[in-house]
Amino acid sequence: MTHHTTQAPTFLKLFNCQVQLRPDTVAVIENGSIQYTYAEINNSSTKLANYICSLGNNVSDIVAIQLPQCANHIISLLAVMKSGKAFLSLNSQQPPASQNKVLKQLSISHVIASKETTLNVNAILIPSNLQGSTKKTLVNVTSDDLAYVIQTSGTTGKPKCIQIPHAGLANLVLSQLTRFNIQPGSRIFQFADMCFDASVSEWSTALSSGATLCIPTRTQDKLSHNLCSTCDHYGITHVTLPPSLLYYEDYWPFKTLQTLI
């Protein structure tokens, strides 16, 4: 008797399915009006992944990202995972000394940034390295491989770096897509800073379902008294918010919101 094993899904496989099904669907909206389709996000991240792969063994197993909350951050984390590496989104509120300590602890050699970095690592500049072929370098990413690293807040002591495999990310996505009823056409608010675990839920569920990830880049768009107008402007259907922002009833109702997490 022949036994056939089914390989466990990964976020990258789920994302690639959406690229094939909906290449012209808007995947990311940045700053209110700048739009990127699934095909564009996929092609840009593949180009960057190819560049990372071209660096060979000079690149550590974990690559840091030092970018603000923007479409290029999404492209970067996709590229790192496509290259077979894991990513760490640095906390921009941390001083360089603290960031360097984390980089040294994890033996990180490279950081993706928009300009030359002052950190003690090599910089991979974006968007200058979004050139080249969109033919993907073949890297076999499995569910057992490391997907990303996230730092705990350290409120109970010393911050810790938690390593999440692709299996964990895929399980999160598949569970939340059902629980939150996220579908093609949904619009997800990228509210959490990229260094926090809530952000992973936001971008991963959006890009694995054919939904649109909405990234307001202005700090004031997230303030409590602007929150309703921001959500209405983007047509947000799903948002994850801290309870403190929902205290004032004057900020309700959201016109398009379907699911509040």
Protein backbone atom coordinates (compact mmCIF):
# COMPACT_ATOMS: atom_id res chain seq x y z
CA MET A 1 0.00 0.00 0.00
CA THR A 2 1.31 3.46 -0.91
CA HIS A 3 0.95 6.20 1.67
CA HIS A 4 0.69 9.78 0.46
CA THR A 5 1.62 12.50 2.91
CA THR A 6 0.11 15.95 2.60
CA GLN A 7 2.55 18.72 3.33
CA ALA A 8 1.27 21.13 5.97
CA PRO A 9 0.27 24.54 4.63
CA THR A 10 2.39 27.60 5.25
CA PHE A 11 1.45 31.26 5.11
CA LEU A 12 3.55 31.60 1.95
CA LYS A 13 1.48 28.91 0.24
CA LEU A 14 -1.74 30.58 1.31
CA PHE A 15 -0.46 33.93 0.04
CA ASN A 16 0.65 32.42 -3.26
CA CYS A 17 -2.82 30.95 -3.76
CA GLN A 18 -4.29 34.45 -3.51
CA VAL A 19 -1.68 35.78 -5.95
CA GLN A 20 -2.75 33.13 -8.46
CA LEU A 21 -6.47 33.66 -7.88
CA ARG A 22 -6.52 37.47 -7.57
CA PRO A 23 -3.39 39.03 -9.08
CA ASP A 24 -5.14 42.34 -9.81
CA THR A 25 -6.94 42.63 -6.48
CA VAL A 26 -5.61 45.38 -4.21
CA ALA A 27 -3.54 43.72 -1.48
CA VAL A 28 -2.28 46.81 0.35
CA ILE A 29 -3.45 50.41 0.58
CA GLU A 30 -0.93 52.81 2.08
CA ASN A 31 -1.46 56.36 3.25
CA GLY A 32 -5.04 56.53 2.05
CA SER A 33 -4.59 56.16 -1.68
CA ILE A 34 -1.37 54.35 -2.71
CA GLN A 35 -2.41 50.88 -3.85
CA TYR A 36 -0.47 47.67 -4.48
CA THR A 37 -2.04 44.62 -6.09
CA TYR A 38 -1.30 41.05 -5.03
CA ALA A 39 0.82 40.65 -8.17
CA GLU A 40 2.83 43.79 -7.39
CA ILE A 41 3.47 42.82 -3.77
CA ASN A 42 4.44 39.32 -4.88
CA ASN A 43 6.80 40.49 -7.62
CA SER A 44 8.53 43.07 -5.42
CA SER A 45 9.01 40.61 -2.57
CA THR A 46 10.36 37.98 -4.98
CA LYS A 47 12.94 40.44 -6.34
CA LEU A 48 14.11 41.26 -2.82
CA ALA A 49 14.12 37.57 -1.87
CA ASN A 50 16.33 36.84 -4.88
CA TYR A 51 18.75 39.54 -3.77
CA ILE A 52 18.89 38.12 -0.23
CA CYS A 53 19.55 34.66 -1.67
CA SER A 54 22.32 36.07 -3.87
CA LEU A 55 24.22 37.06 -0.72
CA GLY A 56 24.57 33.37 0.12
CA ASN A 57 25.87 32.26 3.49
CA ASN A 58 26.88 35.81 4.36
CA VAL A 59 23.32 36.39 5.56
CA SER A 60 22.30 35.10 8.98
CA ASP A 61 19.27 32.86 9.47
CA ILE A 62 17.36 35.82 10.89
CA VAL A 63 17.11 39.16 9.06
CA ALA A 64 16.03 42.30 10.86
CA ILE A 65 13.68 44.91 9.40
CA GLN A 66 14.16 48.57 10.32
CA LEU A 67 11.31 50.25 8.46
CA PRO A 68 8.21 52.19 9.49
CA GLN A 69 4.75 50.72 9.14
CA CYS A 70 4.39 50.75 5.35
CA ALA A 71 3.99 48.60 2.25
CA ASN A 72 7.76 48.13 1.99
CA HIS A 73 7.72 46.54 5.45
CA ILE A 74 5.20 43.98 4.19
CA ILE A 75 7.27 43.39 1.04
CA SER A 76 10.39 42.95 3.20
CA LEU A 77 8.96 40.36 5.58
CA LEU A 78 7.54 38.39 2.66
CA ALA A 79 10.93 38.51 0.95
CA VAL A 80 12.76 37.29 4.03
CA MET A 81 10.43 34.32 4.41
CA LYS A 82 10.63 33.54 0.68
CA SER A 83 14.43 33.46 0.96
CA GLY A 84 14.18 30.78 3.63
CA LYS A 85 15.10 33.14 6.45
CA ALA A 86 13.12 34.43 9.43
CA PHE A 87 12.44 38.10 10.09
CA LEU A 88 12.54 40.32 13.15
CA SER A 89 10.75 43.68 12.97
CA LEU A 90 12.74 46.02 15.18
CA ASN A 91 11.03 48.23 17.72
CA SER A 92 11.61 51.79 16.51
CA GLN A 93 11.04 53.08 20.04
CA GLN A 94 14.10 51.24 21.32
CA PRO A 95 17.41 53.14 21.40
CA PRO A 96 20.14 51.86 19.03
CA ALA A 97 22.07 50.37 21.93
CA SER A 98 19.11 48.15 22.84
CA GLN A 99 18.54 47.21 19.21
CA ASN A 100 22.20 46.27 18.79
CA LYS A 101 21.96 44.10 21.89
CA VAL A 102 19.07 42.16 20.35
CA LEU A 103 20.89 41.83 17.03
CA LYS A 104 23.96 40.47 18.77
CA GLN A 105 21.89 38.09 20.89
CA LEU A 106 20.31 36.60 17.75
CA SER A 107 23.54 36.74 15.68
CA ILE A 108 21.82 38.86 13.03
CA SER A 109 24.10 40.02 10.22
CA HIS A 110 21.77 42.11 8.04
CA VAL A 111 18.92 44.60 8.41
CA ILE A 112 16.52 45.77 5.70
CA ALA A 113 16.30 49.56 5.83
CA SER A 114 15.44 52.56 3.66
CA LYS A 115 18.81 54.22 4.31
CA GLU A 116 22.21 53.37 5.69
CA THR A 117 21.80 52.17 9.24
CA THR A 118 23.71 53.15 12.37
CA LEU A 119 23.27 49.63 13.75
CA ASN A 120 26.20 47.22 13.93
CA VAL A 121 25.03 45.14 10.96
CA ASN A 122 25.02 45.28 7.16
CA ALA A 123 22.16 47.12 5.47
CA ILE A 124 19.99 45.80 2.64
CA LEU A 125 18.48 48.95 1.19
CA ILE A 126 14.92 49.12 -0.06
CA PRO A 127 13.60 50.11 -2.61
CA SER A 128 16.98 50.08 -4.40
CA ASN A 129 17.11 46.28 -4.17
CA LEU A 130 13.66 45.78 -5.70
CA GLN A 131 15.20 45.43 -9.15
CA GLY A 132 15.98 42.33 -11.14
CA SER A 133 14.09 39.21 -12.11
CA THR A 134 10.76 38.10 -10.68
CA LYS A 135 11.71 34.48 -11.36
CA LYS A 136 11.75 33.01 -7.90
CA THR A 137 14.86 31.42 -6.49
CA LEU A 138 13.74 27.98 -5.34
CA VAL A 139 13.86 27.74 -1.54
CA ASN A 140 11.94 24.91 0.06
CA VAL A 141 10.22 26.47 3.07
CA THR A 142 8.51 23.91 5.31
CA SER A 143 6.16 24.23 8.25
CA ASP A 144 9.01 23.31 10.60
CA ASP A 145 11.21 26.22 9.49
CA LEU A 146 11.42 29.42 11.49
CA ALA A 147 9.13 32.18 10.16
CA TYR A 148 9.74 35.15 12.44
CA VAL A 149 11.02 36.32 15.80
CA ILE A 150 9.14 38.70 18.03
CA GLN A 151 10.21 40.48 21.19
CA THR A 152 8.13 40.46 24.34
CA SER A 153 7.46 43.83 25.94
CA GLY A 154 9.60 43.07 28.97
CA THR A 155 7.01 44.49 31.37
CA THR A 156 7.58 41.58 33.76
CA GLY A 157 11.35 41.68 33.50
CA LYS A 158 13.90 41.25 30.72
CA PRO A 159 12.46 41.25 27.15
CA LYS A 160 12.61 37.86 25.46
CA CYS A 161 12.85 36.90 21.79
CA ILE A 162 10.19 34.34 20.86
CA GLN A 163 10.79 32.26 17.73
CA ILE A 164 7.70 31.25 15.72
CA PRO A 165 7.83 28.47 13.08
CA HIS A 166 5.82 28.52 9.86
CA ALA A 167 3.47 25.92 11.33
CA GLY A 168 2.53 28.33 14.12
CA LEU A 169 1.91 31.19 11.70
CA ALA A 170 -0.23 29.01 9.43
CA ASN A 171 -2.27 27.72 12.38
CA LEU A 172 -2.90 31.29 13.52
CA VAL A 173 -4.06 32.32 10.06
CA LEU A 174 -6.34 29.35 9.44
CA SER A 175 -7.96 29.68 12.86
CA GLN A 176 -8.55 33.42 12.66
CA LEU A 177 -9.85 33.45 9.08
CA THR A 178 -12.74 31.30 10.28
CA ARG A 179 -13.28 32.91 13.68
CA PHE A 180 -13.19 36.47 12.32
CA ASN A 181 -15.02 35.68 9.05
CA ILE A 182 -12.31 37.28 6.90
CA GLN A 183 -13.03 36.90 3.20
CA PRO A 184 -12.00 38.32 -0.18
CA GLY A 185 -13.23 41.90 -0.12
CA SER A 186 -12.61 42.34 3.61
CA ARG A 187 -10.49 45.34 4.64
CA ILE A 188 -8.11 44.88 7.56
CA PHE A 189 -6.71 47.82 9.53
CA GLN A 190 -2.95 47.45 10.13
CA PHE A 191 -3.23 49.18 13.50
CA ALA A 192 -0.55 47.53 15.64
CA ASP A 193 3.09 48.53 15.24
CA MET A 194 5.03 45.95 13.25
CA CYS A 195 7.12 44.90 16.25
CA PHE A 196 4.04 43.67 18.15
CA ASP A 197 2.43 40.26 17.76
CA ALA A 198 -1.01 41.73 16.97
CA SER A 199 0.42 43.08 13.72
CA VAL A 200 1.18 39.53 12.55
CA SER A 201 -2.48 38.63 12.83
CA GLU A 202 -3.45 41.72 10.81
CA TRP A 203 -1.18 41.33 7.77
CA SER A 204 -1.17 37.52 7.67
CA THR A 205 -4.94 37.09 7.69
CA ALA A 206 -5.40 39.82 5.09
CA LEU A 207 -2.84 38.52 2.62
CA SER A 208 -3.85 34.86 2.94
CA SER A 209 -7.54 35.51 2.26
CA GLY A 210 -7.67 37.88 -0.70
CA ALA A 211 -8.56 40.77 1.61
CA THR A 212 -6.99 44.24 1.54
CA LEU A 213 -4.55 45.40 4.21
CA CYS A 214 -4.99 49.11 4.97
CA ILE A 215 -1.96 50.94 6.39
CA PRO A 216 -2.54 54.52 7.56
CA THR A 217 0.95 56.00 7.87
CA ARG A 218 0.05 59.11 9.85
CA THR A 219 0.12 58.77 13.64
CA GLN A 220 -2.93 61.01 14.01
CA ASP A 221 -5.03 58.55 11.98
CA LYS A 222 -4.83 56.13 14.92
CA LEU A 223 -5.79 58.60 17.62
CA SER A 224 -9.08 57.84 19.31
CA HIS A 225 -10.88 60.97 18.08
CA ASN A 226 -9.85 60.21 14.45
CA LEU A 227 -10.37 56.47 14.54
CA CYS A 228 -13.92 56.41 13.18
CA SER A 229 -13.15 58.71 10.27
CA THR A 230 -10.00 56.73 9.43
CA CYS A 231 -11.90 53.43 9.40
CA ASP A 232 -14.72 54.93 7.34
CA HIS A 233 -12.25 56.42 4.84
CA TYR A 234 -10.63 53.03 4.23
CA GLY A 235 -13.90 51.08 4.47
CA ILE A 236 -12.46 48.98 7.29
CA THR A 237 -14.36 45.76 8.03
CA HIS A 238 -11.98 44.23 10.61
CA VAL A 239 -9.89 45.94 13.26
CA THR A 240 -7.98 44.90 16.37
CA LEU A 241 -7.99 47.64 19.01
CA PRO A 242 -6.94 48.06 22.64
CA PRO A 243 -10.01 48.53 24.89
CA SER A 244 -8.84 51.99 26.00
CA LEU A 245 -9.60 53.36 22.53
CA LEU A 246 -13.22 52.25 22.74
CA TYR A 247 -14.05 54.06 25.94
CA TYR A 248 -15.71 57.12 24.46
CA GLU A 249 -19.10 56.45 22.90
CA ASP A 250 -18.87 59.66 20.86
CA TYR A 251 -16.43 57.93 18.51
CA TRP A 252 -19.03 55.39 17.44
CA PRO A 253 -20.50 54.07 15.24
CA PHE A 254 -18.14 52.70 12.60
CA LYS A 255 -20.05 52.64 9.31
CA THR A 256 -18.38 49.67 7.62
CA LEU A 257 -16.99 47.69 10.56
CA GLN A 258 -18.07 44.03 10.78
CA THR A 259 -15.64 42.52 13.28
CA LEU A 260 -13.96 44.21 16.26
CA ILE A 261 -11.22 42.23 17.94
